[in-house]
Amino acid sequence: MDITERFINYTKFDTQSAEDSKTVPSTSKQLIFAKYLKEELESEGLEDVEMDDMGYIYATLPSNTKKKTPTIGFISHYDTALDASGANIKARIVKNYDGGDIELSSGIVSSPKKFPELLAHKGEDLIVTDGTTLLGADDKAGIAEIVQAMCYLRDHKEIEHGKIRVAFNPDEEIGMGAHHFDVEKFGCDWAYTMDGGDIGDLEYENFNAASAKVTIKGCSVHTGYAKGKMVNASRLACEFNAHIPETDIPETTEGYQGFYHLLGIESHCEQAKLSYIIRDHDRRKFEDRKDFMENIAKEMNEKYGEGTVKVDIKDQYYNMKEKIDPKMYVIDIVLKAMQESGVTPKVEPIRGGTDGAQLSFRGLPCPNIFAGGVNFHGPYEFVSIQVMNKAVDVIVKICQIAGTFND
């Protein structure tokens, strides 16, 4: 099976996760795909294939060398984002893309005028959606690449490598992917998530991240008799958000700049709830941002009465850079593998996070490598077949180089 067929097969499964779910995985439909993937790994001859009750899959490609080598791993998540439908995906191939508009379906067009990233893939074969769903390259492209690379190494025994572990997990898109990942069972010296963007992306810096839930207690009184009595929680919600600087939101920031992002507001006169995420690469600035949110609540409570505004802040993950820096050989191997595969590395900070960030803080250094998808989390998502094949080449090279690491 080639990588195109493998990937398109994966996209046929609806594996969207669900933010408010209390189960693991967050949706039962993820387990349907997990079982399929487990059976595929077994049929391809990988060893120690197992899936736990939560849908975490682990497997091994055994070492084929007598040398003492590190055990390395490759990880991808199989859930898809919540931003657009993940059901009934109709993937199709645009062969030898000519650089023009792509009509996904009637009246829905993916154009380089809006998405200039398309032009970087002129002449390549692109897998696209019909404009009504996600494609799911985030991160089924990563899964397809890992499986394809393991099959290649299985069939090319002349390439010496150490023990290689692979793992696939649910619920990354809701920030829970690494929570139940069994690092000890995985048993790797280090690993890589294949969950990055376009070709050449290599990321080992990510945001420090926290969630902030703001609850505002109001007092509902008939509007005709409200003077001096009513506390309109909806209006106070607007006032709270007005404290957030317009220079510190996703729409106005880039690179290493952090932000506050208002995810949503649920409000009535009696009560309002605001949901935020807080992000910053710099740990000190990250802590300052959390303090800033607390201070808004303090100021408003002084104005409207103690207990009017409550802020519940929970850390989600931290910048993996502080865990990768002492082990930069993990990055050096990827850089060499990319160069030997004809890929120009693009080392950039992630304006987001990956499962690898959490895993790095649990003792498994785990930077992020490109999987090839572009325009994630929307119906204009696409992936280049040529880029997916390059990702396979890079994985194979990493395994080969790591196979000589302790030589």
Protein backbone atom coordinates (compact mmCIF):
# COMPACT_ATOMS: atom_id res chain seq x y z
CA MET A 1 0.00 0.00 0.00
CA ASP A 2 1.41 3.41 -0.91
CA ILE A 3 1.16 6.41 1.38
CA THR A 4 -1.63 8.05 -0.63
CA GLU A 5 -3.96 5.07 -0.30
CA ARG A 6 -3.04 4.67 3.34
CA PHE A 7 -3.76 8.29 4.19
CA ILE A 8 -7.04 8.48 2.26
CA ASN A 9 -8.20 5.30 4.01
CA TYR A 10 -7.55 7.01 7.35
CA THR A 11 -9.56 10.10 6.39
CA LYS A 12 -12.67 7.97 5.92
CA PHE A 13 -12.94 7.58 9.69
CA ASP A 14 -14.60 10.35 11.69
CA THR A 15 -12.32 10.77 14.71
CA GLN A 16 -13.21 14.20 16.06
CA SER A 17 -12.63 14.65 19.76
CA ALA A 18 -15.04 16.53 22.05
CA GLU A 19 -14.04 19.27 24.46
CA ASP A 20 -16.70 18.82 27.15
CA SER A 21 -16.60 15.03 27.29
CA LYS A 22 -15.68 13.28 30.55
CA THR A 23 -14.66 9.99 28.90
CA VAL A 24 -11.28 8.80 27.57
CA PRO A 25 -11.14 8.94 24.67
CA SER A 26 -13.54 11.85 24.51
CA THR A 27 -15.55 10.24 21.68
CA SER A 28 -16.22 6.54 21.17
CA LYS A 29 -15.82 6.88 17.41
CA GLN A 30 -12.09 7.39 17.92
CA LEU A 31 -11.88 3.80 19.16
CA ILE A 32 -13.30 2.52 15.86
CA PHE A 33 -10.33 3.97 14.02
CA ALA A 34 -7.91 2.90 16.76
CA LYS A 35 -8.98 -0.74 16.34
CA TYR A 36 -8.55 -0.46 12.58
CA LEU A 37 -5.09 1.02 13.02
CA LYS A 38 -4.07 -1.67 15.52
CA GLU A 39 -5.08 -4.39 13.07
CA GLU A 40 -3.18 -2.64 10.28
CA LEU A 41 0.01 -2.50 12.35
CA GLU A 42 -0.33 -6.20 13.10
CA SER A 43 -0.88 -7.05 9.44
CA GLU A 44 2.20 -5.02 8.48
CA GLY A 45 4.32 -7.17 10.78
CA LEU A 46 5.09 -4.79 13.64
CA GLU A 47 5.63 -6.45 17.00
CA ASP A 48 4.30 -5.85 20.53
CA VAL A 49 1.20 -4.21 19.06
CA GLU A 50 -1.23 -3.29 21.81
CA MET A 51 -4.10 -0.91 22.40
CA ASP A 52 -5.29 -0.03 25.88
CA ASP A 53 -8.87 0.68 26.93
CA MET A 54 -8.38 4.41 26.32
CA GLY A 55 -7.31 3.95 22.69
CA TYR A 56 -3.56 4.46 23.09
CA ILE A 57 -1.71 2.26 20.60
CA TYR A 58 1.90 1.12 20.97
CA ALA A 59 4.01 -1.02 18.61
CA THR A 60 7.61 -1.97 17.89
CA LEU A 61 9.87 -2.34 14.89
CA PRO A 62 12.67 -4.50 16.34
CA SER A 63 16.34 -3.60 16.01
CA ASN A 64 18.20 -5.22 13.14
CA THR A 65 21.69 -4.40 14.39
CA LYS A 66 23.97 -5.89 17.03
CA LYS A 67 25.23 -2.44 17.94
CA LYS A 68 24.14 -0.81 21.16
CA THR A 69 21.74 1.90 20.07
CA PRO A 70 19.14 4.13 21.73
CA THR A 71 15.47 3.26 21.47
CA ILE A 72 13.66 6.08 19.68
CA GLY A 73 10.00 6.68 19.03
CA PHE A 74 7.56 8.37 16.66
CA ILE A 75 4.15 9.61 17.79
CA SER A 76 1.04 11.01 16.09
CA HIS A 77 -2.52 11.66 17.21
CA TYR A 78 -5.54 10.37 15.36
CA ASP A 79 -8.27 12.69 16.61
CA THR A 80 -9.20 15.63 14.41
CA ALA A 81 -10.08 19.22 15.28
CA LEU A 82 -13.45 20.57 16.32
CA ASP A 83 -13.42 23.61 14.02
CA ALA A 84 -15.21 21.95 11.09
CA SER A 85 -16.94 18.65 10.46
CA GLY A 86 -14.81 15.50 10.45
CA ALA A 87 -17.56 13.26 9.10
CA ASN A 88 -18.01 12.02 5.53
CA ILE A 89 -14.70 13.42 4.36
CA LYS A 90 -14.41 13.23 0.59
CA ALA A 91 -10.71 13.50 -0.14
CA ARG A 92 -9.58 13.83 -3.73
CA ILE A 93 -6.28 14.35 -5.52
CA VAL A 94 -5.41 17.40 -7.59
CA LYS A 95 -2.62 16.10 -9.78
CA ASN A 96 0.21 18.37 -10.88
CA TYR A 97 -1.30 21.47 -9.27
CA ASP A 98 -1.01 24.37 -11.73
CA GLY A 99 -0.92 27.26 -9.24
CA GLY A 100 -4.46 28.43 -9.88
CA ASP A 101 -7.76 28.24 -8.06
CA ILE A 102 -8.97 24.82 -6.93
CA GLU A 103 -12.74 24.34 -7.02
CA LEU A 104 -13.41 22.09 -4.04
CA SER A 105 -17.12 21.92 -4.81
CA SER A 106 -19.74 24.17 -6.36
CA GLY A 107 -19.10 27.72 -5.13
CA ILE A 108 -16.29 26.70 -2.76
CA VAL A 109 -12.86 27.63 -4.05
CA SER A 110 -9.39 27.35 -2.54
CA SER A 111 -7.41 30.16 -4.08
CA PRO A 112 -3.75 31.18 -3.76
CA LYS A 113 -5.05 34.75 -3.49
CA LYS A 114 -6.41 33.84 -0.06
CA PHE A 115 -4.05 30.95 0.67
CA PRO A 116 -0.66 31.84 -0.86
CA GLU A 117 0.78 28.69 0.73
CA LEU A 118 -0.64 26.81 -2.26
CA LEU A 119 1.95 28.32 -4.58
CA ALA A 120 4.80 26.59 -2.75
CA HIS A 121 3.30 23.32 -4.01
CA LYS A 122 2.88 24.12 -7.68
CA GLY A 123 3.58 21.00 -9.73
CA GLU A 124 2.84 18.66 -6.83
CA ASP A 125 -0.12 16.34 -6.25
CA LEU A 126 -2.40 17.76 -3.58
CA ILE A 127 -5.01 15.95 -1.53
CA VAL A 128 -7.90 18.30 -0.78
CA THR A 129 -11.41 18.24 0.69
CA ASP A 130 -14.73 19.01 -0.95
CA GLY A 131 -14.88 22.27 1.02
CA THR A 132 -17.41 21.09 3.59
CA THR A 133 -15.20 19.18 6.06
CA LEU A 134 -11.74 18.96 7.46
CA LEU A 135 -9.26 16.76 5.62
CA GLY A 136 -7.66 15.33 8.75
CA ALA A 137 -4.04 15.67 7.70
CA ASP A 138 -3.68 16.93 11.27
CA ASP A 139 -2.61 14.36 12.16
CA LYS A 140 -3.48 11.37 10.01
CA ALA A 141 -0.76 12.45 7.60
CA GLY A 142 1.69 11.94 10.47
CA ILE A 143 0.30 8.48 11.17
CA ALA A 144 0.50 7.48 7.50
CA GLU A 145 4.11 8.68 7.32
CA ILE A 146 5.18 6.77 10.41
CA VAL A 147 3.52 3.54 9.31
CA GLN A 148 4.91 3.91 5.78
CA ALA A 149 8.43 4.48 7.13
CA MET A 150 8.19 1.39 9.35
CA CYS A 151 7.12 -0.67 6.34
CA TYR A 152 10.04 0.70 4.32
CA LEU A 153 12.54 -0.22 7.03
CA ARG A 154 10.91 -3.65 7.36
CA ASP A 155 11.48 -4.25 3.65
CA HIS A 156 15.01 -2.73 3.50
CA LYS A 157 16.99 -4.69 6.01
CA GLU A 158 20.22 -3.26 4.63
CA ILE A 159 19.38 -0.09 6.58
CA GLU A 160 20.63 -0.76 10.09
CA HIS A 161 18.62 0.71 12.94
CA GLY A 162 17.97 0.20 16.61
CA LYS A 163 14.67 -0.58 18.28
CA ILE A 164 11.95 1.79 17.12
CA ARG A 165 8.70 2.36 18.96
CA VAL A 166 5.60 3.98 17.49
CA ALA A 167 2.55 5.29 19.32
CA PHE A 168 -0.78 6.78 18.28
CA ASN A 169 -3.15 8.53 20.67
CA PRO A 170 -6.56 10.20 20.89
CA ASP A 171 -7.61 13.64 22.14
CA GLU A 172 -4.61 15.81 21.23
CA GLU A 173 -6.90 18.47 19.81
CA ILE A 174 -8.50 19.03 23.22
CA GLY A 175 -5.14 19.12 25.02
CA MET A 176 -5.53 15.67 26.59
CA GLY A 177 -3.47 13.51 24.24
CA ALA A 178 -0.44 13.12 26.49
CA HIS A 179 -2.35 12.86 29.77
CA HIS A 180 -2.72 9.07 29.62
CA PHE A 181 0.32 8.32 27.45
CA ASP A 182 2.36 5.57 29.14
CA VAL A 183 5.90 6.94 28.89
CA GLU A 184 7.34 4.01 30.86
CA LYS A 185 5.68 1.44 28.63
CA PHE A 186 6.81 3.32 25.52
CA GLY A 187 10.36 2.89 26.79
CA CYS A 188 12.19 5.35 24.54
CA ASP A 189 15.29 7.45 25.11
CA TRP A 190 13.62 10.18 23.09
CA ALA A 191 10.88 10.54 20.49
CA TYR A 192 9.43 12.79 17.79
CA THR A 193 5.86 13.85 17.15
CA MET A 194 5.05 13.95 13.44
CA ASP A 195 2.53 16.74 13.89
CA GLY A 196 4.08 19.83 12.31
CA GLY A 197 3.02 21.82 9.29
CA ASP A 198 4.63 22.22 5.88
CA ILE A 199 7.84 20.67 4.65
CA GLY A 200 10.96 21.38 6.69
CA ASP A 201 9.20 22.47 9.87
CA LEU A 202 11.11 21.47 13.00
CA GLU A 203 9.85 22.77 16.31
CA TYR A 204 11.20 22.44 19.81
CA GLU A 205 9.91 25.68 21.27
CA ASN A 206 6.25 26.06 22.10
CA PHE A 207 4.00 28.25 24.16
CA ASN A 208 3.62 27.95 27.88
CA ALA A 209 -0.12 27.48 28.12
CA ALA A 210 -2.94 27.96 30.61
CA SER A 211 -6.71 28.08 30.56
CA ALA A 212 -8.67 30.76 32.41
CA LYS A 213 -12.33 30.38 33.35
CA VAL A 214 -13.92 33.62 34.52
CA THR A 215 -17.23 33.52 36.40
CA ILE A 216 -19.14 36.73 37.10
CA LYS A 217 -22.01 36.81 39.60
CA GLY A 218 -24.72 39.32 38.83
CA CYS A 219 -28.00 40.32 40.39
CA SER A 220 -31.10 40.35 38.23
CA VAL A 221 -33.75 42.94 39.05
CA HIS A 222 -36.68 44.23 36.97
CA THR A 223 -35.25 46.95 34.77
CA GLY A 224 -37.87 49.41 35.92
CA TYR A 225 -36.59 49.16 39.49
CA ALA A 226 -32.95 48.34 38.85
CA LYS A 227 -31.24 51.50 40.07
CA GLY A 228 -28.75 50.72 42.81
CA LYS A 229 -29.77 47.06 42.81
CA MET A 230 -29.01 45.39 39.49
CA VAL A 231 -25.58 43.96 38.74
CA ASN A 232 -25.65 43.03 35.05
CA ALA A 233 -23.19 40.16 34.67
CA SER A 234 -23.30 40.45 30.88
CA ARG A 235 -22.13 44.05 31.02
CA LEU A 236 -19.41 43.16 33.53
CA ALA A 237 -18.24 40.42 31.17
CA CYS A 238 -17.71 43.09 28.51
CA GLU A 239 -15.90 45.23 31.05
CA PHE A 240 -13.61 42.35 32.02
CA ASN A 241 -12.66 41.66 28.42
CA ALA A 242 -12.10 45.36 27.77
CA HIS A 243 -9.09 45.16 30.11
CA ILE A 244 -7.32 42.82 27.66
CA PRO A 245 -4.94 44.89 25.51
CA GLU A 246 -5.71 44.74 21.79
CA THR A 247 -1.98 44.34 21.23
CA ASP A 248 -2.06 41.02 23.13
CA ILE A 249 -4.58 38.96 21.20
CA PRO A 250 -3.98 36.34 18.45
CA GLU A 251 -5.13 38.73 15.72
CA THR A 252 -2.28 41.16 16.44
CA THR A 253 0.61 38.89 17.47
CA GLU A 254 3.16 36.64 15.79
CA GLY A 255 6.46 34.83 16.39
CA TYR A 256 7.37 34.82 20.06
CA GLN A 257 4.63 37.26 21.05
CA GLY A 258 2.18 35.90 23.60
CA PHE A 259 -1.53 36.59 23.89
CA TYR A 260 -4.85 36.18 25.65
CA HIS A 261 -7.54 34.54 23.53
CA LEU A 262 -11.22 34.79 24.38
CA LEU A 263 -12.71 31.43 23.38
CA GLY A 264 -16.29 32.25 24.25
CA ILE A 265 -18.82 34.03 26.43
CA GLU A 266 -21.98 32.60 27.98
CA SER A 267 -23.89 35.34 29.72
CA HIS A 268 -27.14 36.47 31.28
CA CYS A 269 -27.87 39.29 33.68
CA GLU A 270 -27.61 36.89 36.64
CA GLN A 271 -24.34 35.20 35.63
CA ALA A 272 -21.67 35.32 32.95
CA LYS A 273 -18.86 32.94 32.07
CA LEU A 274 -15.83 33.78 29.93
CA SER A 275 -13.35 31.21 28.72
CA TYR A 276 -9.77 32.20 27.78
CA ILE A 277 -6.49 30.61 26.88
CA ILE A 278 -3.23 32.30 27.91
CA ARG A 279 -0.06 31.78 25.87
CA ASP A 280 3.57 32.96 26.01
CA HIS A 281 6.95 31.44 25.09
CA ASP A 282 8.69 33.27 27.93
CA ARG A 283 7.99 31.61 31.28
CA ARG A 284 8.29 34.86 33.27
CA LYS A 285 5.94 36.71 30.94
CA PHE A 286 3.59 33.72 31.09
CA GLU A 287 3.40 34.01 34.87
CA ASP A 288 2.87 37.78 34.54
CA ARG A 289 -0.04 37.17 32.19
CA LYS A 290 -1.74 34.90 34.71
CA ASP A 291 -1.22 37.51 37.42
CA PHE A 292 -2.73 40.15 35.12
CA MET A 293 -5.94 38.14 34.81
CA GLU A 294 -6.13 37.75 38.58
CA ASN A 295 -5.59 41.49 39.01
CA ILE A 296 -8.48 42.32 36.69
CA ALA A 297 -10.73 40.25 38.95
CA LYS A 298 -9.31 41.93 42.05
CA GLU A 299 -9.93 45.40 40.62
CA MET A 300 -13.50 44.56 39.61
CA ASN A 301 -14.24 42.99 43.00
CA GLU A 302 -13.09 46.19 44.69
CA LYS A 303 -15.51 48.07 42.45
CA TYR A 304 -18.54 45.74 42.57
CA GLY A 305 -18.06 43.73 45.74
CA GLU A 306 -15.98 40.78 46.83
CA GLY A 307 -16.93 37.53 45.10
CA THR A 308 -18.43 39.22 42.05
CA VAL A 309 -15.64 38.01 39.75
CA LYS A 310 -13.77 34.72 40.11
CA VAL A 311 -10.91 33.52 37.92
CA ASP A 312 -9.86 29.88 37.78
CA ILE A 313 -6.51 29.47 35.99
CA LYS A 314 -5.03 26.07 35.21
CA ASP A 315 -1.67 25.43 33.55
CA GLN A 316 -1.92 23.16 30.50
CA TYR A 317 1.66 22.68 29.30
CA TYR A 318 5.05 24.39 29.24
CA ASN A 319 7.72 25.31 26.71
CA MET A 320 9.60 22.11 25.86
CA LYS A 321 12.74 24.10 24.99
CA GLU A 322 13.99 23.94 28.56
CA LYS A 323 13.93 20.13 28.32
CA ILE A 324 15.37 19.89 24.81
CA ASP A 325 18.27 22.34 25.25
CA PRO A 326 20.34 19.93 27.42
CA LYS A 327 19.90 17.21 24.75
CA MET A 328 20.39 19.06 21.50
CA TYR A 329 21.65 15.91 19.77
CA VAL A 330 17.95 15.04 19.45
CA ILE A 331 17.62 18.08 17.18
CA ASP A 332 20.98 17.62 15.45
CA ILE A 333 19.91 14.18 14.24
CA VAL A 334 16.79 15.62 12.62
CA LEU A 335 18.72 18.43 10.96
CA LYS A 336 21.14 15.91 9.48
CA ALA A 337 18.30 13.64 8.38
CA MET A 338 16.52 16.51 6.65
CA GLN A 339 19.66 17.65 4.87
CA GLU A 340 20.42 14.12 3.68
CA SER A 341 16.81 13.83 2.45
CA GLY A 342 17.01 17.07 0.46
CA VAL A 343 14.78 18.99 2.85
CA THR A 344 15.64 22.52 3.97
CA PRO A 345 15.03 22.75 7.74
CA LYS A 346 12.81 25.54 9.04
CA VAL A 347 13.33 25.77 12.78
CA GLU A 348 10.58 27.96 14.22
CA PRO A 349 8.71 28.28 17.51
CA ILE A 350 5.26 26.72 17.63
CA ARG A 351 2.50 29.21 18.19
CA GLY A 352 0.60 26.44 19.91
CA GLY A 353 1.48 23.17 21.55
CA THR A 354 1.86 19.48 20.83
CA ASP A 355 1.66 16.31 22.86
CA GLY A 356 5.45 16.42 22.73
CA ALA A 357 5.51 19.45 25.01
CA GLN A 358 3.81 17.56 27.82
CA LEU A 359 5.80 14.40 27.15
CA SER A 360 9.07 16.34 27.32
CA PHE A 361 8.20 17.39 30.87
CA ARG A 362 7.43 13.78 31.72
CA GLY A 363 10.95 12.68 30.84
CA LEU A 364 10.58 11.95 27.12
CA PRO A 365 12.28 14.66 25.01
CA CYS A 366 9.95 15.00 22.07
CA PRO A 367 10.33 17.74 19.43
CA ASN A 368 7.92 18.13 16.54
CA ILE A 369 8.57 17.40 12.84
CA PHE A 370 6.54 18.39 9.78
CA ALA A 371 3.73 16.12 8.62
CA GLY A 372 2.94 18.23 5.54
CA GLY A 373 -0.58 19.43 6.14
CA VAL A 374 -1.45 23.06 5.41
CA ASN A 375 -4.46 25.16 6.49
CA PHE A 376 -5.25 22.86 9.40
CA HIS A 377 -8.59 23.02 11.23
CA GLY A 378 -10.68 24.09 8.27
CA PRO A 379 -12.21 22.93 4.98
CA TYR A 380 -9.35 24.43 2.93
CA GLU A 381 -6.87 22.00 4.47
CA PHE A 382 -4.60 20.18 2.03
CA VAL A 383 -1.51 18.01 1.98
CA SER A 384 1.04 17.32 -0.74
CA ILE A 385 1.74 13.69 -1.57
CA GLN A 386 5.34 14.60 -2.40
CA VAL A 387 5.76 16.25 1.01
CA MET A 388 4.35 13.20 2.79
CA ASN A 389 6.88 11.06 0.97
CA LYS A 390 9.66 13.42 2.04
CA ALA A 391 8.49 13.05 5.63
CA VAL A 392 8.85 9.27 5.23
CA ASP A 393 12.40 9.79 3.95
CA VAL A 394 13.22 11.93 6.98
CA ILE A 395 11.86 9.33 9.42
CA VAL A 396 13.89 6.60 7.75
CA LYS A 397 17.05 8.75 7.89
CA ILE A 398 16.48 9.58 11.57
CA CYS A 399 16.26 5.86 12.34
CA GLN A 400 19.41 5.18 10.32
CA ILE A 401 21.41 7.98 11.98
CA ALA A 402 20.18 7.05 15.46
CA GLY A 403 21.30 3.50 14.68
CA THR A 404 24.90 4.75 14.70
CA PHE A 405 24.46 7.12 17.66
CA ASN A 406 26.32 4.99 20.18
CA ASP A 407 28.56 3.30 17.65
